[in-house]
Amino acid sequence: MIACKNVSLTLGGHPVLQGVSLDIARGEMLGIVGPNGAGKSSLLGVLGRSIVPDAGVIELDGQDIASVDLRALARQRAVLLQNTTVSFELRVDELVLLGRSPHEPYETPACRAMAARAIEAVGLTSRASLGVDDLSGGERQRAHLARVLAQVGMGETGSYLLLDEPVSAQDPFWQLSVLAALQKLTAAGVGIAVVLHDLNLAARFCDSIGLLAGGQLLHRGPPREVLTSARLTSAFGVEAHIGDDPFDPSRPRVSFSAHSG
């Protein structure tokens, strides 16, 4: 389990996170949602140890994450940032293989096979020999997702993924395909925290939702409990209506009014 305990963070004199506590269990997909500036990406950075909070602690399976060796940490959790670029020329298969670098030696047949599995999982097998810069924006996003999937071995040993908007550049087919692939990983025991702007994707695929606003965790629980009209209207400042997902009536579907409530 990754446990975030009473974490606060101030950046540029502005409070970004205020006393946030939540956890991510293996076998669970937690959707982190909220308005712009709510602290979603900052929370993911704190969870992944790329940002050091002013107060509070992050624990990985009961151990303070700050005390975990970085290479060992990289074998247990992978982080996909919202904007990831490559500053030198790489083919897709080379980029994804770099995800295996914490598992030295990583240029082995087993690691190459793992990278190939990750590339296949995101639908880029036919593009594996192309340069990353030759891909479309959506394909580049999936290539970087494949890299972090390879990093944690496609979840074979139990691990964690921290993903910031992994489907923001995808068309509807690939949004659904990618999130369905992540859902399969949770069934294999992977714990996933994913920042999503699309509340309906979060409602359909996530086991639980964490609703952030103003740097505070307002609610955390199953989609039906968190994604209510009153809570979303309050958080986003726009009147929200909750219905049933027509493809899965057990899940909520969110609609917003064009006018503030």
C-alpha atoms as a PDB file:
ATOM      1  CA  MET A   1       0.000   0.000   0.000  1.00  0.00           C
ATOM      2  CA  ILE A   2       1.075   3.575  -0.669  1.00  0.00           C
ATOM      3  CA  ALA A   3      -0.217   5.698   2.193  1.00  0.00           C
ATOM      4  CA  CYS A   4      -0.265   9.492   2.151  1.00  0.00           C
ATOM      5  CA  LYS A   5      -0.581  10.806   5.716  1.00  0.00           C
ATOM      6  CA  ASN A   6      -1.547  14.411   6.490  1.00  0.00           C
ATOM      7  CA  VAL A   7       0.513  15.863   3.644  1.00  0.00           C
ATOM      8  CA  SER A   8       0.783  19.612   3.102  1.00  0.00           C
ATOM      9  CA  LEU A   9       2.697  21.464   0.409  1.00  0.00           C
ATOM     10  CA  THR A  10       3.262  25.134  -0.347  1.00  0.00           C
ATOM     11  CA  LEU A  11       4.701  26.317  -3.673  1.00  0.00           C
ATOM     12  CA  GLY A  12       5.560  29.944  -4.346  1.00  0.00           C
ATOM     13  CA  GLY A  13       3.873  30.963  -1.121  1.00  0.00           C
ATOM     14  CA  HIS A  14       0.613  29.335  -2.216  1.00  0.00           C
ATOM     15  CA  PRO A  15      -0.820  26.347  -0.304  1.00  0.00           C
ATOM     16  CA  VAL A  16      -1.140  23.537  -2.883  1.00  0.00           C
ATOM     17  CA  LEU A  17      -1.996  20.619  -0.593  1.00  0.00           C
ATOM     18  CA  GLN A  18      -3.513  20.938   2.861  1.00  0.00           C
ATOM     19  CA  GLY A  19      -3.534  17.973   5.228  1.00  0.00           C
ATOM     20  CA  VAL A  20      -4.235  15.350   2.555  1.00  0.00           C
ATOM     21  CA  SER A  21      -4.483  11.717   3.656  1.00  0.00           C
ATOM     22  CA  LEU A  22      -5.324   8.811   1.356  1.00  0.00           C
ATOM     23  CA  ASP A  23      -3.977   5.415   0.349  1.00  0.00           C
ATOM     24  CA  ILE A  24      -3.608   3.289  -2.776  1.00  0.00           C
ATOM     25  CA  ALA A  25      -3.936  -0.442  -2.287  1.00  0.00           C
ATOM     26  CA  ARG A  26      -2.636  -3.134  -4.590  1.00  0.00           C
ATOM     27  CA  GLY A  27      -5.424  -4.319  -6.857  1.00  0.00           C
ATOM     28  CA  GLU A  28      -7.168  -0.920  -6.827  1.00  0.00           C
ATOM     29  CA  MET A  29      -7.487   1.900  -9.347  1.00  0.00           C
ATOM     30  CA  LEU A  30      -7.921   5.224  -7.586  1.00  0.00           C
ATOM     31  CA  GLY A  31      -9.078   8.104  -9.776  1.00  0.00           C
ATOM     32  CA  ILE A  32      -7.893  11.535  -8.642  1.00  0.00           C
ATOM     33  CA  VAL A  33     -10.265  14.217  -9.930  1.00  0.00           C
ATOM     34  CA  GLY A  34     -10.964  17.886  -9.304  1.00  0.00           C
ATOM     35  CA  PRO A  35     -10.932  21.332 -10.916  1.00  0.00           C
ATOM     36  CA  ASN A  36      -7.845  22.983 -12.385  1.00  0.00           C
ATOM     37  CA  GLY A  37      -5.419  23.992  -9.671  1.00  0.00           C
ATOM     38  CA  ALA A  38      -6.886  21.536  -7.166  1.00  0.00           C
ATOM     39  CA  GLY A  39      -3.466  19.981  -6.451  1.00  0.00           C
ATOM     40  CA  LYS A  40      -3.915  16.743  -8.410  1.00  0.00           C
ATOM     41  CA  SER A  41      -0.549  16.719 -10.189  1.00  0.00           C
ATOM     42  CA  SER A  42       1.226  17.950  -7.064  1.00  0.00           C
ATOM     43  CA  LEU A  43      -0.293  15.114  -5.061  1.00  0.00           C
ATOM     44  CA  LEU A  44       0.916  12.618  -7.647  1.00  0.00           C
ATOM     45  CA  GLY A  45       4.396  14.148  -7.477  1.00  0.00           C
ATOM     46  CA  VAL A  46       4.425  13.818  -3.690  1.00  0.00           C
ATOM     47  CA  LEU A  47       3.229  10.210  -3.908  1.00  0.00           C
ATOM     48  CA  GLY A  48       6.010   9.426  -6.375  1.00  0.00           C
ATOM     49  CA  ARG A  49       8.732  11.228  -4.361  1.00  0.00           C
ATOM     50  CA  SER A  50       9.518  13.769  -7.074  1.00  0.00           C
ATOM     51  CA  ILE A  51       8.128  16.502  -4.782  1.00  0.00           C
ATOM     52  CA  VAL A  52       9.024  16.712  -1.097  1.00  0.00           C
ATOM     53  CA  PRO A  53       6.074  17.874   1.026  1.00  0.00           C
ATOM     54  CA  ASP A  54       6.377  20.500   3.754  1.00  0.00           C
ATOM     55  CA  ALA A  55       4.611  18.247   6.235  1.00  0.00           C
ATOM     56  CA  GLY A  56       3.313  14.710   6.419  1.00  0.00           C
ATOM     57  CA  VAL A  57       4.736  11.417   5.223  1.00  0.00           C
ATOM     58  CA  ILE A  58       4.352   8.988   2.321  1.00  0.00           C
ATOM     59  CA  GLU A  59       4.729   5.313   3.168  1.00  0.00           C
ATOM     60  CA  LEU A  60       5.341   2.430   0.778  1.00  0.00           C
ATOM     61  CA  ASP A  61       4.237  -0.840   2.361  1.00  0.00           C
ATOM     62  CA  GLY A  62       4.760   0.694   5.803  1.00  0.00           C
ATOM     63  CA  GLN A  63       8.171   2.267   5.085  1.00  0.00           C
ATOM     64  CA  ASP A  64       8.799   5.997   4.759  1.00  0.00           C
ATOM     65  CA  ILE A  65       9.287   6.457   1.010  1.00  0.00           C
ATOM     66  CA  ALA A  66      12.067   8.982   1.670  1.00  0.00           C
ATOM     67  CA  SER A  67      14.193   6.181   3.125  1.00  0.00           C
ATOM     68  CA  VAL A  68      13.732   3.756   0.218  1.00  0.00           C
ATOM     69  CA  ASP A  69      16.684   3.354  -2.165  1.00  0.00           C
ATOM     70  CA  LEU A  70      15.813   5.097  -5.441  1.00  0.00           C
ATOM     71  CA  ARG A  71      16.616   2.104  -7.642  1.00  0.00           C
ATOM     72  CA  ALA A  72      14.582  -0.191  -5.411  1.00  0.00           C
ATOM     73  CA  LEU A  73      11.762   2.367  -5.447  1.00  0.00           C
ATOM     74  CA  ALA A  74      11.849   2.500  -9.256  1.00  0.00           C
ATOM     75  CA  ARG A  75      11.352  -1.255  -9.367  1.00  0.00           C
ATOM     76  CA  GLN A  76       8.238  -0.974  -7.193  1.00  0.00           C
ATOM     77  CA  ARG A  77       6.489   2.072  -8.601  1.00  0.00           C
ATOM     78  CA  ALA A  78       6.533   3.988 -11.877  1.00  0.00           C
ATOM     79  CA  VAL A  79       5.396   7.553 -12.527  1.00  0.00           C
ATOM     80  CA  LEU A  80       4.018   8.953 -15.783  1.00  0.00           C
ATOM     81  CA  LEU A  81       4.021  12.734 -15.825  1.00  0.00           C
ATOM     82  CA  GLN A  82       1.495  14.792 -17.748  1.00  0.00           C
ATOM     83  CA  ASN A  83       4.089  16.271 -20.120  1.00  0.00           C
ATOM     84  CA  THR A  84       6.968  13.918 -20.903  1.00  0.00           C
ATOM     85  CA  THR A  85       9.481  14.644 -23.654  1.00  0.00           C
ATOM     86  CA  VAL A  86      12.568  12.941 -25.063  1.00  0.00           C
ATOM     87  CA  SER A  87      15.567  15.206 -25.612  1.00  0.00           C
ATOM     88  CA  PHE A  88      17.401  12.824 -27.950  1.00  0.00           C
ATOM     89  CA  GLU A  89      16.412  10.514 -30.786  1.00  0.00           C
ATOM     90  CA  LEU A  90      15.051   7.114 -29.783  1.00  0.00           C
ATOM     91  CA  ARG A  91      12.969   4.459 -31.441  1.00  0.00           C
ATOM     92  CA  VAL A  92       9.805   3.390 -29.648  1.00  0.00           C
ATOM     93  CA  ASP A  93      11.291   0.029 -28.655  1.00  0.00           C
ATOM     94  CA  GLU A  94      14.421   1.760 -27.308  1.00  0.00           C
ATOM     95  CA  LEU A  95      12.349   4.191 -25.238  1.00  0.00           C
ATOM     96  CA  VAL A  96      10.250   1.424 -23.736  1.00  0.00           C
ATOM     97  CA  LEU A  97      13.311  -0.720 -22.997  1.00  0.00           C
ATOM     98  CA  LEU A  98      14.721   2.185 -20.961  1.00  0.00           C
ATOM     99  CA  GLY A  99      11.871   1.536 -18.553  1.00  0.00           C
ATOM    100  CA  ARG A 100      13.709  -1.659 -17.583  1.00  0.00           C
ATOM    101  CA  SER A 101      16.878   0.242 -16.571  1.00  0.00           C
ATOM    102  CA  PRO A 102      16.234  -0.083 -12.802  1.00  0.00           C
ATOM    103  CA  HIS A 103      16.448  -3.860 -13.320  1.00  0.00           C
ATOM    104  CA  GLU A 104      20.127  -4.020 -14.357  1.00  0.00           C
ATOM    105  CA  PRO A 105      21.206  -5.635 -16.539  1.00  0.00           C
ATOM    106  CA  TYR A 106      18.248  -4.507 -18.589  1.00  0.00           C
ATOM    107  CA  GLU A 107      19.334  -5.153 -22.184  1.00  0.00           C
ATOM    108  CA  THR A 108      18.585  -8.855 -21.816  1.00  0.00           C
ATOM    109  CA  PRO A 109      16.247 -11.066 -23.848  1.00  0.00           C
ATOM    110  CA  ALA A 110      13.838 -11.181 -20.895  1.00  0.00           C
ATOM    111  CA  CYS A 111      13.745  -7.388 -20.611  1.00  0.00           C
ATOM    112  CA  ARG A 112      13.305  -6.999 -24.363  1.00  0.00           C
ATOM    113  CA  ALA A 113      10.418  -9.451 -24.215  1.00  0.00           C
ATOM    114  CA  MET A 114       8.871  -7.443 -21.377  1.00  0.00           C
ATOM    115  CA  ALA A 115       9.240  -4.234 -23.377  1.00  0.00           C
ATOM    116  CA  ALA A 116       7.591  -5.906 -26.363  1.00  0.00           C
ATOM    117  CA  ARG A 117       4.665  -6.964 -24.144  1.00  0.00           C
ATOM    118  CA  ALA A 118       4.248  -3.381 -22.932  1.00  0.00           C
ATOM    119  CA  ILE A 119       4.351  -2.040 -26.491  1.00  0.00           C
ATOM    120  CA  GLU A 120       1.703  -4.554 -27.511  1.00  0.00           C
ATOM    121  CA  ALA A 121      -0.470  -3.590 -24.535  1.00  0.00           C
ATOM    122  CA  VAL A 122      -0.720  -0.006 -25.817  1.00  0.00           C
ATOM    123  CA  GLY A 123      -1.215  -0.967 -29.460  1.00  0.00           C
ATOM    124  CA  LEU A 124       2.143   0.187 -30.832  1.00  0.00           C
ATOM    125  CA  THR A 125       3.716  -3.063 -32.037  1.00  0.00           C
ATOM    126  CA  SER A 126       3.573  -1.959 -35.664  1.00  0.00           C
ATOM    127  CA  ARG A 127       5.241   1.348 -34.717  1.00  0.00           C
ATOM    128  CA  ALA A 128       7.994  -0.077 -32.492  1.00  0.00           C
ATOM    129  CA  SER A 129      10.819   0.589 -34.958  1.00  0.00           C
ATOM    130  CA  LEU A 130       9.783   4.198 -35.612  1.00  0.00           C
ATOM    131  CA  GLY A 131      11.381   7.186 -33.965  1.00  0.00           C
ATOM    132  CA  VAL A 132       9.404   8.597 -31.047  1.00  0.00           C
ATOM    133  CA  ASP A 133       9.393  11.984 -32.798  1.00  0.00           C
ATOM    134  CA  ASP A 134       7.712  10.369 -35.820  1.00  0.00           C
ATOM    135  CA  LEU A 135       4.641   9.403 -33.810  1.00  0.00           C
ATOM    136  CA  SER A 136       1.449  11.370 -33.372  1.00  0.00           C
ATOM    137  CA  GLY A 137       0.855  13.048 -30.025  1.00  0.00           C
ATOM    138  CA  GLY A 138      -1.453  10.285 -28.882  1.00  0.00           C
ATOM    139  CA  GLU A 139       1.004   7.593 -29.953  1.00  0.00           C
ATOM    140  CA  ARG A 140       3.843   9.308 -28.082  1.00  0.00           C
ATOM    141  CA  GLN A 141       1.697   9.374 -24.971  1.00  0.00           C
ATOM    142  CA  ARG A 142       1.073   5.638 -25.294  1.00  0.00           C
ATOM    143  CA  ALA A 143       4.771   4.988 -25.910  1.00  0.00           C
ATOM    144  CA  HIS A 144       5.610   6.646 -22.592  1.00  0.00           C
ATOM    145  CA  LEU A 145       2.852   4.656 -20.918  1.00  0.00           C
ATOM    146  CA  ALA A 146       4.431   1.484 -22.325  1.00  0.00           C
ATOM    147  CA  ARG A 147       7.747   2.595 -20.794  1.00  0.00           C
ATOM    148  CA  VAL A 148       6.299   2.756 -17.282  1.00  0.00           C
ATOM    149  CA  LEU A 149       4.424  -0.517 -17.802  1.00  0.00           C
ATOM    150  CA  ALA A 150       7.719  -2.160 -18.717  1.00  0.00           C
ATOM    151  CA  GLN A 151       9.366  -0.542 -15.692  1.00  0.00           C
ATOM    152  CA  VAL A 152       7.055  -2.383 -13.297  1.00  0.00           C
ATOM    153  CA  GLY A 153       7.106  -5.590 -15.313  1.00  0.00           C
ATOM    154  CA  MET A 154       3.481  -5.350 -16.424  1.00  0.00           C
ATOM    155  CA  GLY A 155       2.560  -5.833 -12.772  1.00  0.00           C
ATOM    156  CA  GLU A 156       3.849  -9.402 -12.535  1.00  0.00           C
ATOM    157  CA  THR A 157       5.439  -8.871  -9.121  1.00  0.00           C
ATOM    158  CA  GLY A 158       2.831  -6.482  -7.704  1.00  0.00           C
ATOM    159  CA  SER A 159       3.649  -2.820  -8.033  1.00  0.00           C
ATOM    160  CA  TYR A 160       2.240   0.688  -8.273  1.00  0.00           C
ATOM    161  CA  LEU A 161       1.575   3.057 -11.147  1.00  0.00           C
ATOM    162  CA  LEU A 162       1.130   6.811 -10.653  1.00  0.00           C
ATOM    163  CA  LEU A 163      -0.296   8.243 -13.864  1.00  0.00           C
ATOM    164  CA  ASP A 164      -1.025  11.899 -14.623  1.00  0.00           C
ATOM    165  CA  GLU A 165      -3.610  12.244 -17.417  1.00  0.00           C
ATOM    166  CA  PRO A 166      -2.498   9.138 -19.374  1.00  0.00           C
ATOM    167  CA  VAL A 167      -5.350   9.397 -21.911  1.00  0.00           C
ATOM    168  CA  SER A 168      -5.596  13.160 -22.420  1.00  0.00           C
ATOM    169  CA  ALA A 169      -4.266  12.936 -26.005  1.00  0.00           C
ATOM    170  CA  GLN A 170      -6.212   9.810 -26.962  1.00  0.00           C
ATOM    171  CA  ASP A 171      -9.274   9.417 -29.156  1.00  0.00           C
ATOM    172  CA  PRO A 172     -12.293   7.599 -27.623  1.00  0.00           C
ATOM    173  CA  PHE A 173     -11.124   4.161 -28.816  1.00  0.00           C
ATOM    174  CA  TRP A 174      -7.734   4.494 -27.177  1.00  0.00           C
ATOM    175  CA  GLN A 175      -9.091   6.157 -24.035  1.00  0.00           C
ATOM    176  CA  LEU A 176     -11.255   3.099 -23.454  1.00  0.00           C
ATOM    177  CA  SER A 177      -8.555   0.646 -24.547  1.00  0.00           C
ATOM    178  CA  VAL A 178      -5.860   2.117 -22.317  1.00  0.00           C
ATOM    179  CA  LEU A 179      -8.075   2.312 -19.241  1.00  0.00           C
ATOM    180  CA  ALA A 180      -9.323  -1.243 -19.840  1.00  0.00           C
ATOM    181  CA  ALA A 181      -5.684  -2.395 -20.002  1.00  0.00           C
ATOM    182  CA  LEU A 182      -4.974  -0.630 -16.705  1.00  0.00           C
ATOM    183  CA  GLN A 183      -8.050  -2.256 -15.196  1.00  0.00           C
ATOM    184  CA  LYS A 184      -6.616  -5.658 -16.119  1.00  0.00           C
ATOM    185  CA  LEU A 185      -3.417  -4.764 -14.294  1.00  0.00           C
ATOM    186  CA  THR A 186      -5.335  -4.040 -11.104  1.00  0.00           C
ATOM    187  CA  ALA A 187      -6.861  -7.517 -11.404  1.00  0.00           C
ATOM    188  CA  ALA A 188      -3.261  -8.784 -11.402  1.00  0.00           C
ATOM    189  CA  GLY A 189      -2.533  -6.912  -8.159  1.00  0.00           C
ATOM    190  CA  VAL A 190      -1.194  -3.559  -9.344  1.00  0.00           C
ATOM    191  CA  GLY A 191      -2.170  -0.447  -7.401  1.00  0.00           C
ATOM    192  CA  ILE A 192      -2.901   2.539  -9.643  1.00  0.00           C
ATOM    193  CA  ALA A 193      -3.485   6.207  -8.910  1.00  0.00           C
ATOM    194  CA  VAL A 194      -4.575   8.048 -12.038  1.00  0.00           C
ATOM    195  CA  VAL A 195      -5.362  11.729 -12.515  1.00  0.00           C
ATOM    196  CA  LEU A 196      -8.290  12.141 -14.903  1.00  0.00           C
ATOM    197  CA  HIS A 197     -10.178  15.216 -16.063  1.00  0.00           C
ATOM    198  CA  ASP A 198     -12.946  13.168 -17.659  1.00  0.00           C
ATOM    199  CA  LEU A 199     -15.210  12.305 -14.747  1.00  0.00           C
ATOM    200  CA  ASN A 200     -17.149   9.746 -16.774  1.00  0.00           C
ATOM    201  CA  LEU A 201     -13.998   7.791 -17.573  1.00  0.00           C
ATOM    202  CA  ALA A 202     -13.096   7.914 -13.887  1.00  0.00           C
ATOM    203  CA  ALA A 203     -16.588   6.754 -12.939  1.00  0.00           C
ATOM    204  CA  ARG A 204     -16.532   3.865 -15.400  1.00  0.00           C
ATOM    205  CA  PHE A 205     -13.050   2.456 -14.762  1.00  0.00           C
ATOM    206  CA  CYS A 206     -11.942   3.432 -11.249  1.00  0.00           C
ATOM    207  CA  ASP A 207     -12.664   1.417  -8.114  1.00  0.00           C
ATOM    208  CA  SER A 208     -12.593   4.551  -6.007  1.00  0.00           C
ATOM    209  CA  ILE A 209     -12.436   8.312  -6.496  1.00  0.00           C
ATOM    210  CA  GLY A 210     -10.552  10.999  -4.620  1.00  0.00           C
ATOM    211  CA  LEU A 211     -12.108  14.441  -5.147  1.00  0.00           C
ATOM    212  CA  LEU A 212      -9.701  17.339  -4.613  1.00  0.00           C
ATOM    213  CA  ALA A 213     -10.465  21.057  -4.538  1.00  0.00           C
ATOM    214  CA  GLY A 214      -8.405  23.908  -3.153  1.00  0.00           C
ATOM    215  CA  GLY A 215      -5.640  21.505  -2.142  1.00  0.00           C
ATOM    216  CA  GLN A 216      -7.932  19.530   0.136  1.00  0.00           C
ATOM    217  CA  LEU A 217      -9.269  16.013  -0.236  1.00  0.00           C
ATOM    218  CA  LEU A 218     -13.016  16.614  -0.053  1.00  0.00           C
ATOM    219  CA  HIS A 219     -14.180  13.028  -0.461  1.00  0.00           C
ATOM    220  CA  ARG A 220     -12.762   9.575  -1.113  1.00  0.00           C
ATOM    221  CA  GLY A 221     -14.794   6.464  -1.856  1.00  0.00           C
ATOM    222  CA  PRO A 222     -16.650   4.491  -4.549  1.00  0.00           C
ATOM    223  CA  PRO A 223     -17.724   6.492  -7.625  1.00  0.00           C
ATOM    224  CA  ARG A 224     -21.414   6.454  -6.634  1.00  0.00           C
ATOM    225  CA  GLU A 225     -20.608   7.942  -3.235  1.00  0.00           C
ATOM    226  CA  VAL A 226     -18.175  10.628  -4.378  1.00  0.00           C
ATOM    227  CA  LEU A 227     -19.644  11.744  -7.708  1.00  0.00           C
ATOM    228  CA  THR A 228     -22.848  13.284  -6.445  1.00  0.00           C
ATOM    229  CA  SER A 229     -24.596  16.364  -7.791  1.00  0.00           C
ATOM    230  CA  ALA A 230     -24.050  18.404  -4.629  1.00  0.00           C
ATOM    231  CA  ARG A 231     -20.374  17.517  -4.268  1.00  0.00           C
ATOM    232  CA  LEU A 232     -19.474  18.135  -7.906  1.00  0.00           C
ATOM    233  CA  THR A 233     -21.455  21.382  -8.084  1.00  0.00           C
ATOM    234  CA  SER A 234     -19.594  22.599  -5.011  1.00  0.00           C
ATOM    235  CA  ALA A 235     -16.160  21.490  -6.256  1.00  0.00           C
ATOM    236  CA  PHE A 236     -16.430  22.695  -9.874  1.00  0.00           C
ATOM    237  CA  GLY A 237     -18.790  25.666  -9.480  1.00  0.00           C
ATOM    238  CA  VAL A 238     -21.041  24.350 -12.271  1.00  0.00           C
ATOM    239  CA  GLU A 239     -24.359  22.596 -11.745  1.00  0.00           C
ATOM    240  CA  ALA A 240     -23.907  18.835 -12.023  1.00  0.00           C
ATOM    241  CA  HIS A 241     -26.469  16.158 -12.829  1.00  0.00           C
ATOM    242  CA  ILE A 242     -25.890  12.468 -12.071  1.00  0.00           C
ATOM    243  CA  GLY A 243     -27.486   9.683 -14.090  1.00  0.00           C
ATOM    244  CA  ASP A 244     -26.581   6.116 -14.980  1.00  0.00           C
ATOM    245  CA  ASP A 245     -23.886   5.099 -17.431  1.00  0.00           C
ATOM    246  CA  PRO A 246     -25.889   3.633 -20.344  1.00  0.00           C
ATOM    247  CA  PHE A 247     -23.226   0.955 -20.873  1.00  0.00           C
ATOM    248  CA  ASP A 248     -22.988   0.046 -17.175  1.00  0.00           C
ATOM    249  CA  PRO A 249     -25.966   1.249 -15.082  1.00  0.00           C
ATOM    250  CA  SER A 250     -24.090   0.367 -11.887  1.00  0.00           C
ATOM    251  CA  ARG A 251     -21.771   3.298 -12.619  1.00  0.00           C
ATOM    252  CA  PRO A 252     -22.727   6.990 -12.497  1.00  0.00           C
ATOM    253  CA  ARG A 253     -22.667   9.327 -15.464  1.00  0.00           C
ATOM    254  CA  VAL A 254     -21.982  13.039 -14.958  1.00  0.00           C
ATOM    255  CA  SER A 255     -23.385  15.947 -16.968  1.00  0.00           C
ATOM    256  CA  PHE A 256     -22.741  19.628 -16.302  1.00  0.00           C
ATOM    257  CA  SER A 257     -24.993  22.578 -17.016  1.00  0.00           C
ATOM    258  CA  ALA A 258     -23.722  25.375 -19.210  1.00  0.00           C
ATOM    259  CA  HIS A 259     -24.681  27.751 -16.399  1.00  0.00           C
ATOM    260  CA  SER A 260     -23.384  27.899 -12.863  1.00  0.00           C
ATOM    261  CA  GLY A 261     -25.640  26.380 -10.248  1.00  0.00           C
END
